[in-house]
Protein backbone atom coordinates (compact mmCIF):
# COMPACT_ATOMS: atom_id res chain seq x y z
CA MET A 1 -5.77 -10.48 19.17
CA THR A 2 -5.01 -12.32 15.96
CA ILE A 3 -1.53 -12.01 14.51
CA GLY A 4 -0.88 -12.59 10.82
CA ILE A 5 2.59 -13.40 9.49
CA ILE A 6 3.24 -13.04 5.77
CA GLY A 7 6.35 -14.95 4.67
CA TYR A 8 7.83 -18.10 6.11
CA GLY A 9 11.54 -17.82 5.39
CA ASN A 10 14.15 -18.08 8.15
CA ILE A 11 12.97 -14.99 10.01
CA GLY A 12 9.26 -15.56 9.53
CA LYS A 13 9.67 -19.11 10.79
CA MET A 14 11.73 -17.98 13.78
CA ILE A 15 9.11 -15.42 14.78
CA SER A 16 6.24 -17.85 14.30
CA GLU A 17 7.90 -20.56 16.41
CA ASN A 18 8.82 -18.10 19.18
CA LEU A 19 5.28 -16.78 19.37
CA LEU A 20 3.90 -20.33 19.72
CA LYS A 21 6.58 -21.99 21.84
CA ASN A 22 6.73 -19.08 24.31
CA ASN A 23 2.93 -19.06 24.55
CA ILE A 24 2.80 -15.44 23.43
CA VAL A 25 -0.22 -16.31 21.23
CA ASN A 26 -2.64 -19.21 21.25
CA GLU A 27 -2.63 -21.45 18.17
CA ASP A 28 -5.97 -20.11 17.02
CA GLU A 29 -4.70 -16.55 17.22
CA LEU A 30 -2.01 -17.05 14.52
CA ILE A 31 -2.39 -17.00 10.74
CA ILE A 32 0.62 -17.67 8.50
CA SER A 33 0.67 -16.99 4.79
CA ASN A 34 3.33 -18.19 2.41
CA ARG A 35 3.50 -18.25 -1.41
CA ASN A 36 4.38 -21.94 -1.24
CA ILE A 37 1.81 -23.26 1.23
CA LYS A 38 3.40 -26.72 1.33
CA LYS A 39 6.24 -25.12 3.31
CA LEU A 40 3.76 -24.61 6.15
CA ASP A 41 2.79 -28.28 6.43
CA ALA A 42 5.30 -29.06 9.21
CA ILE A 43 4.22 -26.26 11.53
CA LYS A 44 0.57 -27.00 10.81
CA ASN A 45 1.06 -30.62 11.75
CA TYR A 46 2.71 -29.62 15.04
CA TYR A 47 0.19 -26.83 15.79
CA PRO A 48 -3.05 -27.99 14.18
CA ASP A 49 -5.11 -25.04 15.34
CA ILE A 50 -3.09 -22.38 13.54
CA GLU A 51 -4.46 -21.15 10.23
CA ILE A 52 -2.27 -21.38 7.15
CA THR A 53 -2.91 -19.90 3.70
CA ASP A 54 -1.34 -18.64 0.52
CA ASP A 55 -3.86 -15.79 0.37
CA ASN A 56 -2.35 -12.55 1.78
CA ILE A 57 -5.63 -10.65 1.23
CA MET A 58 -7.59 -13.12 3.32
CA LEU A 59 -4.96 -12.90 6.09
CA SER A 60 -5.06 -9.10 6.06
CA LYS A 61 -8.85 -9.17 6.58
CA LYS A 62 -8.65 -11.52 9.58
CA ALA A 63 -5.50 -10.34 11.37
CA ASP A 64 -5.49 -7.49 13.92
CA LYS A 65 -1.71 -7.08 13.65
CA ILE A 66 0.32 -8.01 10.56
CA ILE A 67 4.04 -8.89 10.34
CA ILE A 68 5.49 -9.03 6.86
CA SER A 69 8.69 -11.01 6.56
CA VAL A 70 9.47 -11.26 2.88
CA GLU A 71 12.42 -10.30 0.69
CA SER A 72 12.96 -6.52 0.79
CA ASP A 73 12.30 -6.25 -2.93
CA ASP A 74 8.81 -7.78 -2.42
CA LEU A 75 7.70 -5.66 0.53
CA LEU A 76 6.02 -2.79 -1.26
CA ASN A 77 4.20 -5.24 -3.59
CA VAL A 78 2.85 -7.13 -0.59
CA ILE A 79 1.71 -3.91 1.10
CA SER A 80 0.06 -2.76 -2.12
CA GLU A 81 -1.77 -6.09 -2.34
CA ILE A 82 -3.28 -5.88 1.16
CA LYS A 83 -3.50 -2.12 1.77
CA GLU A 84 -7.29 -2.02 1.21
CA ASN A 85 -7.70 -4.13 4.35
CA LEU A 86 -5.14 -2.35 6.57
CA GLU A 87 -7.41 0.54 7.65
CA SER A 88 -5.90 1.65 11.02
CA LYS A 89 -3.94 -1.54 11.57
CA HIS A 90 -0.39 -1.57 12.87
CA LEU A 91 1.88 -2.89 10.14
CA ILE A 92 5.20 -4.51 11.07
CA HIS A 93 7.90 -5.60 8.66
CA THR A 94 11.36 -7.13 8.90
CA CYS A 95 12.82 -5.78 5.65
CA ALA A 96 16.10 -3.86 5.96
CA GLY A 97 16.74 -1.29 3.30
CA VAL A 98 13.11 -0.13 2.81
CA SER A 99 12.52 3.25 4.40
CA PHE A 100 9.35 4.59 5.99
CA GLU A 101 9.29 7.16 3.17
CA ASP A 102 9.25 4.37 0.59
CA ILE A 103 6.39 2.69 2.39
CA GLU A 104 4.36 5.93 2.64
CA GLU A 105 4.02 5.88 -1.13
CA VAL A 106 1.71 2.83 -0.82
CA TYR A 107 0.54 2.88 2.85
CA ASP A 108 0.25 6.03 4.94
CA GLY A 109 -0.38 4.37 8.32
CA SER A 110 1.41 3.23 11.40
CA VAL A 111 4.47 1.11 10.53
CA SER A 112 7.22 -0.43 12.59
CA LEU A 113 10.44 -2.00 11.41
CA VAL A 114 11.81 -4.98 13.36
CA ILE A 115 15.23 -6.46 12.62
CA PRO A 116 15.43 -9.69 14.57
CA THR A 117 18.37 -12.06 14.53
CA ILE A 118 18.38 -15.76 13.87
CA SER A 119 20.30 -16.15 17.12
CA SER A 120 16.93 -15.56 18.87
CA SER A 121 15.67 -18.95 17.68
CA PHE A 122 13.82 -20.74 20.48
CA THR A 123 15.61 -23.03 22.93
CA GLU A 124 14.19 -24.35 26.21
CA SER A 125 17.32 -23.45 28.20
CA ASP A 126 17.54 -19.80 27.27
CA LYS A 127 14.39 -18.20 25.98
CA GLN A 128 15.66 -14.65 25.76
CA LYS A 129 18.70 -14.16 23.57
CA GLY A 130 19.86 -12.17 20.59
CA ILE A 131 18.88 -8.62 19.79
CA SER A 132 15.74 -7.33 18.09
CA LEU A 133 16.05 -3.82 16.70
CA ILE A 134 12.81 -1.84 16.58
CA VAL A 135 12.07 1.55 15.05
CA HIS A 136 8.59 3.10 14.69
CA ASN A 137 7.31 5.70 12.32
CA SER A 138 5.60 8.78 13.81
CA LYS A 139 2.14 7.33 13.44
CA VAL A 140 2.61 4.30 15.78
CA ASN A 141 0.77 4.98 19.00
CA PHE A 142 1.98 4.12 22.52
CA LEU A 143 -0.17 1.02 22.90
CA ASP A 144 0.95 -0.50 19.62
CA SER A 145 4.61 0.29 20.19
CA THR A 146 4.56 -1.15 23.71
CA SER A 147 2.70 -4.25 22.57
CA LEU A 148 5.24 -4.97 19.82
CA GLU A 149 8.23 -4.30 22.10
CA ASN A 150 6.84 -6.59 24.80
CA MET A 151 6.17 -9.34 22.23
CA PHE A 152 9.74 -9.44 20.99
CA ASN A 153 11.12 -8.96 24.53
CA ASN A 154 9.76 -12.41 25.35
CA PHE A 155 12.45 -14.09 23.25
CA SER A 156 15.12 -11.41 22.61
CA TYR A 157 16.69 -8.34 24.03
CA VAL A 158 14.95 -5.32 22.42
CA LYS A 159 16.77 -2.22 21.32
CA ILE A 160 14.62 0.72 20.40
CA LEU A 161 16.17 3.02 17.80
CA PRO A 162 14.83 6.61 17.82
CA SER A 163 15.04 6.87 14.03
CA GLU A 164 16.02 5.00 10.89
CA LYS A 165 19.37 6.86 10.77
CA ASP A 166 21.37 4.17 12.60
CA ILE A 167 19.48 1.06 11.40
CA GLU A 168 22.12 0.05 8.88
CA ILE A 169 25.02 0.00 11.34
CA ALA A 170 22.90 -1.62 14.04
CA THR A 171 21.71 -4.31 11.67
CA ILE A 172 25.28 -5.24 10.76
CA LEU A 173 26.16 -5.44 14.48
CA THR A 174 23.23 -7.67 15.40
CA SER A 175 21.58 -9.40 12.46
CA CYS A 176 24.64 -9.96 10.27
CA ALA A 177 27.15 -10.55 13.06
CA PRO A 178 26.11 -14.13 13.91
CA ALA A 179 27.30 -15.25 10.42
CA TYR A 180 30.63 -13.48 10.82
CA ILE A 181 31.18 -14.85 14.32
CA SER A 182 30.35 -18.31 13.04
CA LEU A 183 32.93 -17.97 10.30
CA ILE A 184 35.61 -17.03 12.80
CA VAL A 185 34.68 -19.99 15.02
CA LYS A 186 34.86 -22.29 11.99
CA LYS A 187 38.25 -20.99 10.85
CA PHE A 188 39.77 -21.34 14.32
CA ALA A 189 38.35 -24.88 14.67
CA GLU A 190 39.67 -25.87 11.19
CA TYR A 191 43.13 -24.66 12.04
CA GLY A 192 43.09 -26.47 15.35
CA PHE A 193 41.97 -29.69 13.66
CA ASP A 194 44.53 -29.43 10.87
CA ASN A 195 47.43 -28.75 13.22
CA SER A 196 46.78 -30.93 16.25
CA ASP A 197 45.42 -34.34 17.32
CA LEU A 198 42.17 -32.72 18.41
CA ASP A 199 39.19 -33.40 16.16
CA TYR A 200 37.13 -30.61 14.62
CA ASP A 201 34.27 -30.91 17.12
CA GLU A 202 36.67 -30.74 20.08
CA CYS A 203 38.29 -27.62 18.67
CA LYS A 204 34.90 -26.03 18.04
CA TYR A 205 33.75 -26.93 21.61
CA LEU A 206 36.81 -25.23 23.09
CA ILE A 207 36.27 -22.07 21.12
CA LEU A 208 32.50 -21.89 21.81
CA LYS A 209 32.89 -22.35 25.57
CA THR A 210 35.67 -19.70 25.56
CA LEU A 211 33.40 -17.37 23.52
CA ILE A 212 30.52 -17.86 26.01
CA GLY A 213 32.80 -17.20 28.97
CA THR A 214 34.28 -14.13 27.35
CA SER A 215 30.82 -12.80 26.55
CA GLU A 216 29.76 -13.24 30.16
CA VAL A 217 32.83 -11.45 31.45
CA LEU A 218 32.33 -8.54 29.04
CA SER A 219 28.60 -8.35 29.91
CA LYS A 220 29.41 -7.66 33.56
CA ASP A 221 29.73 -4.00 34.38
CA SER A 222 29.03 -3.21 30.70
CA LEU A 223 27.72 0.22 31.71
CA ASN A 224 30.95 1.00 33.58
CA SER A 225 32.69 4.11 32.26
CA GLU A 226 35.86 2.10 31.62
CA ASP A 227 36.07 -0.11 28.51
CA ASN A 228 36.02 -3.64 29.93
CA CYS A 229 37.25 -4.95 26.58
CA ASP A 230 40.55 -3.22 27.26
CA ASN A 231 40.51 -4.48 30.84
CA LEU A 232 40.08 -8.10 29.72
CA ILE A 233 42.79 -7.74 27.04
CA ASN A 234 45.20 -6.36 29.64
CA THR A 235 44.35 -9.11 32.07
CA VAL A 236 44.90 -11.91 29.55
CA CYS A 237 48.08 -10.45 28.03
CA THR A 238 51.48 -11.09 29.51
CA PRO A 239 54.06 -8.58 28.29
CA GLY A 240 56.14 -10.25 25.58
CA GLY A 241 53.91 -13.39 25.65
CA ILE A 242 52.22 -15.11 22.72
CA THR A 243 48.85 -13.41 23.36
CA GLU A 244 50.49 -10.00 23.07
CA LYS A 245 52.21 -10.93 19.84
CA GLY A 246 48.93 -12.15 18.40
CA LEU A 247 47.17 -8.98 19.47
CA ASN A 248 49.84 -6.79 17.90
CA PHE A 249 49.30 -8.61 14.61
CA LEU A 250 45.50 -8.40 14.80
CA ASP A 251 45.61 -4.74 15.79
CA LEU A 252 47.58 -3.92 12.66
CA GLU A 253 45.38 -5.95 10.32
CA SER A 254 41.89 -5.68 11.81
CA ASP A 255 41.23 -1.94 11.38
CA THR A 256 41.60 -2.11 7.61
CA MET A 257 39.64 -5.35 7.40
CA ILE A 258 36.74 -4.08 9.55
CA ASP A 259 36.62 -0.73 7.66
CA ASP A 260 36.59 -2.59 4.29
CA LEU A 261 33.87 -4.96 5.52
CA PHE A 262 31.58 -2.16 6.66
CA ASP A 263 32.21 -0.25 3.44
CA ILE A 264 31.06 -3.28 1.41
CA LEU A 265 28.00 -3.86 3.58
CA LEU A 266 26.86 -0.22 3.70
CA GLN A 267 27.30 0.11 -0.02
CA SER A 268 24.94 -2.83 -0.49
CA TYR A 269 22.20 -0.82 1.27
CA ASN A 270 22.61 1.92 -1.33
CA ASP A 271 22.69 -0.34 -4.41
């Protein structure tokens, strides 16, 4: 099976590299198209048997399965460009904010939306990480849906959404969240550096290791009926201690901040 990827931005690059480095496809089974073909020189040099092009129509003729990873505003134009060659092919895209109903105006076939996260970028030590959200329209058959889900499950944890209804919230929680978490890590590290003899990298190391450990604790018994977030908070907090004072402050401020953040982000979907 030949896979064609249209678009080589951050997500298109991440998907391409994961497919190759995890041996999900052979080099000669991958075609990558990008408007600026020079951007593909590095991956072509590393994987000489892949095919690169700036011709989306040619790619759509050759590929059995097509993944479009372009800016959301460009998606419908790309589909219109290649639709004569889609026939009964399974079309996959990574463009949040474009509904199946919008796509049906130009292509009335089987379509899946995948929202990966940049945190699924390949590393030797941990090949499966991050979340990939997947939702299928009603025309995607069982074989195509299973094939796609298995593909992304090789390098990420797959969450199947039954409909598009929850895609906006889920995207914020998975695809946007790495940037917000990174900002918090950066701000904590900057404060530690500015107010101690520790350097910035030391402060960042302390926070990251604590974040990893906290994640592992919270991941245990995550299906338990009790909220293990509350359990961990209660375990760490000493009544009247500094952690409790900090939590009281955050509890007062965070609800408004989180509500405002989600309002801004959700509004951007509607603009």
